N, C-alpha and C. Protein backbone atom coordinates (compact mmCIF):
# COMPACT_ATOMS: atom_id res chain seq x y z
N MET A 1 33.01 107.66 159.66
CA MET A 1 32.78 107.19 158.33
C MET A 1 33.29 105.76 158.29
N ASN A 2 32.55 104.89 157.60
CA ASN A 2 33.02 103.52 157.57
C ASN A 2 34.08 103.36 156.51
N LYS A 3 34.88 102.35 156.70
CA LYS A 3 36.07 102.14 155.87
C LYS A 3 35.67 101.86 154.42
N GLY A 4 34.63 101.11 154.17
CA GLY A 4 34.19 100.77 152.81
C GLY A 4 33.72 102.00 152.06
N LEU A 5 33.01 102.86 152.76
CA LEU A 5 32.52 104.08 152.13
C LEU A 5 33.69 104.99 151.81
N HIS A 6 34.66 105.06 152.69
CA HIS A 6 35.84 105.89 152.49
C HIS A 6 36.63 105.42 151.26
N MET A 7 36.80 104.12 151.08
CA MET A 7 37.53 103.57 149.93
C MET A 7 36.75 103.81 148.65
N SER A 8 35.45 103.73 148.74
CA SER A 8 34.62 103.99 147.58
C SER A 8 34.75 105.44 147.13
N MET A 9 34.79 106.37 148.09
CA MET A 9 34.95 107.78 147.75
C MET A 9 36.34 108.04 147.18
N ASN A 10 37.35 107.38 147.73
CA ASN A 10 38.72 107.53 147.22
C ASN A 10 38.81 107.04 145.78
N ARG A 11 38.13 105.93 145.51
CA ARG A 11 38.14 105.40 144.14
C ARG A 11 37.44 106.37 143.19
N ARG A 12 36.37 106.96 143.66
CA ARG A 12 35.65 107.93 142.82
C ARG A 12 36.54 109.16 142.55
N TRP A 13 37.19 109.62 143.60
CA TRP A 13 38.10 110.76 143.43
C TRP A 13 39.24 110.39 142.50
N ALA A 14 39.78 109.22 142.66
CA ALA A 14 40.88 108.77 141.82
C ALA A 14 40.39 108.65 140.37
N ALA A 15 39.19 108.11 140.18
CA ALA A 15 38.64 107.98 138.83
C ALA A 15 38.38 109.35 138.23
N ALA A 16 37.85 110.27 139.04
CA ALA A 16 37.58 111.62 138.55
C ALA A 16 38.89 112.34 138.21
N LEU A 17 39.89 112.16 139.05
CA LEU A 17 41.20 112.77 138.81
C LEU A 17 41.82 112.19 137.55
N LEU A 18 41.72 110.89 137.38
CA LEU A 18 42.25 110.23 136.18
C LEU A 18 41.52 110.73 134.93
N ALA A 19 40.21 110.85 135.01
CA ALA A 19 39.42 111.34 133.87
C ALA A 19 39.80 112.78 133.53
N ALA A 20 39.98 113.60 134.54
CA ALA A 20 40.37 115.00 134.32
C ALA A 20 41.76 115.07 133.70
N SER A 21 42.66 114.22 134.15
CA SER A 21 44.02 114.19 133.60
C SER A 21 44.01 113.78 132.15
N VAL A 22 43.24 112.76 131.84
CA VAL A 22 43.13 112.30 130.45
C VAL A 22 42.54 113.39 129.57
N ALA A 23 41.50 114.05 130.05
CA ALA A 23 40.87 115.14 129.29
C ALA A 23 41.86 116.28 129.11
N GLY A 24 42.63 116.57 130.14
CA GLY A 24 43.63 117.64 130.05
C GLY A 24 44.72 117.31 129.03
N LEU A 25 45.17 116.07 129.04
CA LEU A 25 46.18 115.64 128.06
C LEU A 25 45.63 115.71 126.64
N ALA A 26 44.40 115.31 126.47
CA ALA A 26 43.76 115.37 125.15
C ALA A 26 43.68 116.82 124.68
N ALA A 27 43.35 117.71 125.59
CA ALA A 27 43.27 119.14 125.22
C ALA A 27 44.65 119.68 124.86
N LEU A 28 45.67 119.27 125.60
CA LEU A 28 47.05 119.71 125.30
C LEU A 28 47.50 119.20 123.94
N GLU A 29 47.18 117.94 123.63
CA GLU A 29 47.55 117.39 122.33
C GLU A 29 46.85 118.15 121.20
N ALA A 30 45.58 118.48 121.38
CA ALA A 30 44.84 119.23 120.37
C ALA A 30 45.43 120.62 120.20
N ALA A 31 45.81 121.25 121.30
CA ALA A 31 46.41 122.59 121.23
C ALA A 31 47.78 122.54 120.57
N ALA A 32 48.51 121.43 120.78
CA ALA A 32 49.84 121.30 120.18
C ALA A 32 49.74 121.19 118.66
N ASP A 33 48.64 120.63 118.17
CA ASP A 33 48.46 120.52 116.72
C ASP A 33 48.15 121.86 116.07
N GLN A 34 47.61 122.82 116.82
CA GLN A 34 47.28 124.13 116.28
C GLN A 34 48.37 125.11 116.67
N PRO A 35 48.66 126.09 115.79
CA PRO A 35 49.70 127.06 116.13
C PRO A 35 49.27 127.93 117.32
N SER A 36 50.26 128.33 118.09
CA SER A 36 49.96 129.19 119.24
C SER A 36 49.59 130.57 118.74
N GLY A 37 49.10 131.41 119.61
CA GLY A 37 48.72 132.77 119.24
C GLY A 37 49.89 133.54 118.66
N THR A 38 51.07 133.37 119.26
CA THR A 38 52.26 134.06 118.77
C THR A 38 52.65 133.57 117.38
N GLU A 39 52.61 132.24 117.20
CA GLU A 39 52.94 131.67 115.89
C GLU A 39 51.95 132.14 114.83
N LYS A 40 50.69 132.22 115.19
CA LYS A 40 49.65 132.66 114.26
C LYS A 40 49.89 134.12 113.85
N ILE A 41 50.18 134.95 114.84
CA ILE A 41 50.44 136.37 114.56
C ILE A 41 51.68 136.52 113.69
N THR A 42 52.73 135.75 114.00
CA THR A 42 53.96 135.80 113.21
C THR A 42 53.69 135.38 111.77
N LYS A 43 52.92 134.33 111.59
CA LYS A 43 52.58 133.85 110.24
C LYS A 43 51.78 134.91 109.48
N GLU A 44 50.78 135.50 110.13
CA GLU A 44 49.94 136.51 109.48
C GLU A 44 50.77 137.76 109.13
N THR A 45 51.67 138.12 110.02
CA THR A 45 52.54 139.27 109.76
C THR A 45 53.44 139.00 108.56
N ARG A 46 54.02 137.80 108.53
CA ARG A 46 54.89 137.42 107.42
C ARG A 46 54.11 137.48 106.10
N GLU A 47 52.89 136.98 106.10
CA GLU A 47 52.05 137.00 104.90
C GLU A 47 51.73 138.43 104.48
N ALA A 48 51.46 139.30 105.46
CA ALA A 48 51.16 140.70 105.15
C ALA A 48 52.38 141.40 104.56
N VAL A 49 53.56 141.12 105.09
CA VAL A 49 54.79 141.72 104.57
C VAL A 49 55.03 141.26 103.14
N GLU A 50 54.84 139.99 102.88
CA GLU A 50 55.02 139.47 101.53
C GLU A 50 54.01 140.09 100.55
N ALA A 51 52.77 140.24 100.98
CA ALA A 51 51.75 140.86 100.12
C ALA A 51 52.11 142.31 99.83
N THR A 52 52.64 143.01 100.83
CA THR A 52 53.05 144.40 100.64
C THR A 52 54.21 144.50 99.67
N LYS A 53 55.17 143.60 99.80
CA LYS A 53 56.32 143.59 98.88
C LYS A 53 55.86 143.34 97.45
N GLU A 54 54.95 142.40 97.29
CA GLU A 54 54.44 142.08 95.95
C GLU A 54 53.70 143.28 95.36
N TYR A 55 52.88 143.93 96.17
CA TYR A 55 52.14 145.11 95.71
C TYR A 55 53.11 146.23 95.31
N THR A 56 54.12 146.45 96.14
CA THR A 56 55.12 147.48 95.86
C THR A 56 55.85 147.19 94.56
N ALA A 57 56.23 145.94 94.35
CA ALA A 57 56.91 145.56 93.12
C ALA A 57 56.01 145.79 91.91
N GLN A 58 54.74 145.49 92.04
CA GLN A 58 53.79 145.72 90.94
C GLN A 58 53.65 147.21 90.65
N GLN A 59 53.57 148.02 91.70
CA GLN A 59 53.45 149.47 91.53
C GLN A 59 54.70 150.03 90.85
N LYS A 60 55.86 149.56 91.28
CA LYS A 60 57.13 150.02 90.70
C LYS A 60 57.18 149.66 89.21
N GLU A 61 56.81 148.43 88.90
CA GLU A 61 56.82 147.97 87.51
C GLU A 61 55.86 148.78 86.65
N ALA A 62 54.67 149.04 87.15
CA ALA A 62 53.68 149.82 86.40
C ALA A 62 54.17 151.24 86.17
N PHE A 63 54.76 151.85 87.19
CA PHE A 63 55.29 153.21 87.04
C PHE A 63 56.44 153.23 86.03
N GLN A 64 57.33 152.25 86.11
CA GLN A 64 58.45 152.19 85.16
C GLN A 64 57.94 152.09 83.73
N ARG A 65 56.97 151.25 83.53
CA ARG A 65 56.41 151.06 82.18
C ARG A 65 55.81 152.37 81.67
N LYS A 66 55.04 153.04 82.52
CA LYS A 66 54.41 154.31 82.14
C LYS A 66 55.46 155.37 81.85
N ALA A 67 56.46 155.49 82.71
CA ALA A 67 57.51 156.49 82.52
C ALA A 67 58.31 156.21 81.26
N HIS A 68 58.59 154.94 81.01
CA HIS A 68 59.33 154.57 79.79
C HIS A 68 58.52 154.93 78.54
N GLU A 69 57.24 154.65 78.56
CA GLU A 69 56.37 154.99 77.43
C GLU A 69 56.32 156.51 77.21
N GLU A 70 56.25 157.24 78.31
CA GLU A 70 56.20 158.70 78.24
C GLU A 70 57.51 159.25 77.66
N LEU A 71 58.63 158.70 78.09
CA LEU A 71 59.93 159.13 77.57
C LEU A 71 60.05 158.79 76.09
N ALA A 72 59.59 157.62 75.70
CA ALA A 72 59.65 157.23 74.29
C ALA A 72 58.80 158.18 73.43
N ALA A 73 57.64 158.56 73.93
CA ALA A 73 56.78 159.48 73.19
C ALA A 73 57.45 160.85 73.05
N LEU A 74 58.09 161.31 74.12
CA LEU A 74 58.80 162.60 74.07
C LEU A 74 59.99 162.54 73.11
N GLN A 75 60.66 161.41 73.07
CA GLN A 75 61.78 161.26 72.12
C GLN A 75 61.28 161.38 70.68
N LYS A 76 60.12 160.78 70.39
CA LYS A 76 59.54 160.89 69.05
C LYS A 76 59.19 162.35 68.73
N GLN A 77 58.67 163.06 69.72
CA GLN A 77 58.32 164.46 69.51
C GLN A 77 59.58 165.31 69.26
N ILE A 78 60.65 164.99 69.94
CA ILE A 78 61.91 165.72 69.73
C ILE A 78 62.44 165.46 68.33
N ILE A 79 62.34 164.24 67.88
CA ILE A 79 62.78 163.90 66.52
C ILE A 79 61.94 164.67 65.50
N ALA A 80 60.63 164.72 65.72
CA ALA A 80 59.75 165.48 64.82
C ALA A 80 60.12 166.96 64.84
N LEU A 81 60.45 167.48 66.01
CA LEU A 81 60.85 168.88 66.13
C LEU A 81 62.14 169.15 65.37
N LYS A 82 63.07 168.21 65.41
CA LYS A 82 64.33 168.35 64.67
C LYS A 82 64.05 168.46 63.17
N GLY A 83 63.05 167.72 62.71
CA GLY A 83 62.70 167.76 61.30
C GLY A 83 62.13 169.11 60.89
N LYS A 84 61.55 169.82 61.80
CA LYS A 84 60.94 171.12 61.49
C LYS A 84 61.95 172.26 61.52
N VAL A 85 63.14 172.00 62.05
CA VAL A 85 64.15 173.05 62.16
C VAL A 85 64.53 173.60 60.79
N SER A 86 64.62 172.71 59.82
CA SER A 86 65.04 173.15 58.48
C SER A 86 64.02 174.09 57.84
N GLU A 87 62.77 174.04 58.28
CA GLU A 87 61.72 174.89 57.73
C GLU A 87 61.72 176.29 58.34
N ALA A 88 62.45 176.46 59.44
CA ALA A 88 62.45 177.75 60.15
C ALA A 88 63.42 178.72 59.50
N SER A 89 63.21 179.98 59.81
CA SER A 89 64.12 181.01 59.31
C SER A 89 65.48 180.84 59.98
N THR A 90 66.46 181.52 59.44
CA THR A 90 67.83 181.40 59.96
C THR A 90 67.89 181.80 61.43
N ALA A 91 67.24 182.90 61.80
CA ALA A 91 67.25 183.36 63.18
C ALA A 91 66.52 182.37 64.09
N ALA A 92 65.39 181.91 63.64
CA ALA A 92 64.60 180.96 64.43
C ALA A 92 65.33 179.62 64.52
N ARG A 93 66.05 179.25 63.46
CA ARG A 93 66.76 177.98 63.43
C ARG A 93 67.81 177.92 64.55
N ALA A 94 68.53 179.01 64.76
CA ALA A 94 69.55 179.05 65.81
C ALA A 94 68.91 178.85 67.19
N GLU A 95 67.78 179.50 67.41
CA GLU A 95 67.08 179.35 68.69
C GLU A 95 66.56 177.92 68.88
N LEU A 96 66.03 177.37 67.78
CA LEU A 96 65.52 175.99 67.86
C LEU A 96 66.65 174.99 68.11
N GLN A 97 67.79 175.21 67.47
CA GLN A 97 68.94 174.32 67.70
C GLN A 97 69.36 174.34 69.16
N LYS A 98 69.35 175.53 69.73
CA LYS A 98 69.69 175.70 71.14
C LYS A 98 68.65 174.98 72.02
N SER A 99 67.39 175.14 71.69
CA SER A 99 66.31 174.48 72.44
C SER A 99 66.41 172.96 72.32
N ILE A 100 66.74 172.49 71.14
CA ILE A 100 66.86 171.04 70.93
C ILE A 100 68.04 170.48 71.73
N ALA A 101 69.14 171.23 71.77
CA ALA A 101 70.29 170.79 72.57
C ALA A 101 69.90 170.68 74.05
N GLU A 102 69.12 171.64 74.52
CA GLU A 102 68.63 171.62 75.90
C GLU A 102 67.69 170.43 76.11
N LEU A 103 66.82 170.18 75.12
CA LEU A 103 65.91 169.04 75.20
C LEU A 103 66.68 167.73 75.28
N GLU A 104 67.73 167.60 74.50
CA GLU A 104 68.53 166.38 74.50
C GLU A 104 69.16 166.14 75.88
N LYS A 105 69.66 167.22 76.49
CA LYS A 105 70.25 167.10 77.84
C LYS A 105 69.19 166.66 78.84
N LYS A 106 68.03 167.26 78.76
CA LYS A 106 66.96 166.91 79.69
C LYS A 106 66.43 165.50 79.42
N LYS A 107 66.40 165.11 78.17
CA LYS A 107 65.99 163.75 77.82
C LYS A 107 66.98 162.74 78.41
N ASP A 108 68.28 163.04 78.30
CA ASP A 108 69.30 162.15 78.87
C ASP A 108 69.19 162.09 80.39
N ALA A 109 68.90 163.23 81.01
CA ALA A 109 68.72 163.26 82.46
C ALA A 109 67.52 162.40 82.87
N ALA A 110 66.44 162.52 82.13
CA ALA A 110 65.24 161.72 82.42
C ALA A 110 65.54 160.23 82.23
N LYS A 111 66.29 159.90 81.18
CA LYS A 111 66.66 158.50 80.92
C LYS A 111 67.52 157.97 82.06
N ASN A 112 68.47 158.79 82.54
CA ASN A 112 69.32 158.37 83.66
C ASN A 112 68.50 158.13 84.92
N LYS A 113 67.52 159.00 85.17
CA LYS A 113 66.65 158.81 86.33
C LYS A 113 65.83 157.52 86.20
N LEU A 114 65.39 157.25 84.98
CA LEU A 114 64.63 156.02 84.74
C LEU A 114 65.52 154.80 84.95
N ASP A 115 66.77 154.87 84.51
CA ASP A 115 67.71 153.78 84.75
C ASP A 115 67.96 153.60 86.25
N GLU A 116 68.05 154.70 86.96
CA GLU A 116 68.23 154.67 88.41
C GLU A 116 67.03 154.00 89.07
N LEU A 117 65.85 154.28 88.54
CA LEU A 117 64.64 153.67 89.08
C LEU A 117 64.65 152.16 88.88
N ARG A 118 65.10 151.71 87.72
CA ARG A 118 65.14 150.27 87.44
C ARG A 118 66.02 149.54 88.45
N SER A 119 67.11 150.16 88.85
CA SER A 119 68.03 149.49 89.77
C SER A 119 67.70 149.75 91.24
N ALA A 120 66.72 150.61 91.50
CA ALA A 120 66.35 150.92 92.89
C ALA A 120 65.65 149.73 93.52
N THR A 121 65.91 149.53 94.80
CA THR A 121 65.22 148.46 95.52
C THR A 121 63.75 148.85 95.68
N ASP A 122 62.95 147.86 95.99
CA ASP A 122 61.52 148.13 96.16
C ASP A 122 61.26 149.13 97.28
N THR A 123 62.12 149.15 98.29
CA THR A 123 61.91 150.08 99.40
C THR A 123 62.36 151.50 99.06
N LYS A 124 63.26 151.66 98.09
CA LYS A 124 63.79 152.98 97.75
C LYS A 124 63.15 153.58 96.50
N TRP A 125 62.35 152.80 95.79
CA TRP A 125 61.86 153.26 94.50
C TRP A 125 60.98 154.49 94.61
N THR A 126 60.23 154.64 95.69
CA THR A 126 59.35 155.80 95.81
C THR A 126 60.15 157.10 95.90
N GLU A 127 61.35 157.01 96.49
CA GLU A 127 62.21 158.20 96.54
C GLU A 127 62.69 158.57 95.14
N VAL A 128 63.06 157.57 94.37
CA VAL A 128 63.56 157.80 93.02
C VAL A 128 62.43 158.21 92.09
N LYS A 129 61.23 157.74 92.38
CA LYS A 129 60.05 158.03 91.55
C LYS A 129 59.84 159.53 91.39
N SER A 130 59.99 160.28 92.48
CA SER A 130 59.78 161.73 92.39
C SER A 130 60.82 162.38 91.49
N GLY A 131 62.05 161.86 91.49
CA GLY A 131 63.08 162.38 90.59
C GLY A 131 62.75 162.11 89.13
N VAL A 132 62.20 160.95 88.86
CA VAL A 132 61.79 160.61 87.48
C VAL A 132 60.67 161.54 87.05
N ASN A 133 59.68 161.73 87.91
CA ASN A 133 58.57 162.62 87.59
C ASN A 133 59.06 164.04 87.31
N SER A 134 59.97 164.53 88.14
CA SER A 134 60.51 165.88 87.96
C SER A 134 61.25 166.00 86.63
N ALA A 135 62.07 165.00 86.32
CA ALA A 135 62.84 165.03 85.07
C ALA A 135 61.92 165.01 83.86
N LEU A 136 60.89 164.19 83.91
CA LEU A 136 59.93 164.14 82.79
C LEU A 136 59.15 165.44 82.67
N ASP A 137 58.78 166.03 83.80
CA ASP A 137 58.06 167.31 83.77
C ASP A 137 58.92 168.42 83.17
N GLU A 138 60.20 168.45 83.55
CA GLU A 138 61.12 169.45 82.99
C GLU A 138 61.28 169.26 81.48
N LEU A 139 61.37 168.02 81.06
CA LEU A 139 61.50 167.72 79.63
C LEU A 139 60.25 168.17 78.87
N LYS A 140 59.08 167.89 79.40
CA LYS A 140 57.83 168.32 78.76
C LYS A 140 57.76 169.85 78.67
N GLU A 141 58.13 170.50 79.74
CA GLU A 141 58.10 171.97 79.77
C GLU A 141 59.06 172.56 78.73
N SER A 142 60.25 172.00 78.65
CA SER A 142 61.22 172.47 77.66
C SER A 142 60.74 172.20 76.24
N TYR A 143 60.08 171.08 76.04
CA TYR A 143 59.54 170.76 74.72
C TYR A 143 58.47 171.79 74.33
N GLN A 144 57.61 172.12 75.27
CA GLN A 144 56.57 173.12 74.98
C GLN A 144 57.18 174.48 74.65
N LYS A 145 58.23 174.85 75.35
CA LYS A 145 58.92 176.12 75.06
C LYS A 145 59.52 176.07 73.66
N ALA A 146 60.12 174.94 73.32
CA ALA A 146 60.72 174.82 71.97
C ALA A 146 59.64 174.90 70.90
N LEU A 147 58.51 174.28 71.14
CA LEU A 147 57.40 174.35 70.18
C LEU A 147 56.92 175.78 69.99
N SER A 148 56.91 176.54 71.07
CA SER A 148 56.44 177.92 70.98
C SER A 148 57.38 178.79 70.13
N ARG A 149 58.60 178.34 69.92
CA ARG A 149 59.56 179.11 69.11
C ARG A 149 59.45 178.79 67.62
N LEU A 150 58.63 177.79 67.29
CA LEU A 150 58.43 177.48 65.87
C LEU A 150 57.61 178.60 65.21
N PRO A 151 57.94 178.90 63.96
CA PRO A 151 57.17 179.94 63.26
C PRO A 151 55.76 179.49 62.94
C-alpha cells in the first residue's frame, strides 16, 4: 500500500472516529437532560402514592360526614322518642325509660367511635370505620326495639 493512500485512510478513520465520538457525546447530553428509567419509575410511583393518599383522605372525609349526619338524625329520633314517653302508660313508661337509657349509652359509644375515626390516620381509618358502622347499626337496632315498645 502506498504511503499517501495509507495516510488518507487514517484520516478518514480519524474523521469517522471523531464524528462517532461527537455523536455519542450529543446522545449522552440528550439522555442526561431526560430522567433515567429508574428516576421515571420513582417519580411515577411517588405520584401514584400521593394520588392514593388523596383518594383515601377524600373517602375518609365522605364517610365521616355521612356517619355524622346519620348520628345526628338518630339523636333527633331519640329526642322525639323521649317526648312520647309521657304519653305511654305507667308500665310502658318504665320500659321506655330503660330503652332510652340504653339508647343514650349506645349513642355515646357511636359518638366516641366517630371521634376515634376523626383522629385516625388515613392508613388506620378503614379499621376504625367498621367500628363506627357497628356502633351505628347497634344504635339503630336499639332504636327500633324502643319504638316497638310504644303503645
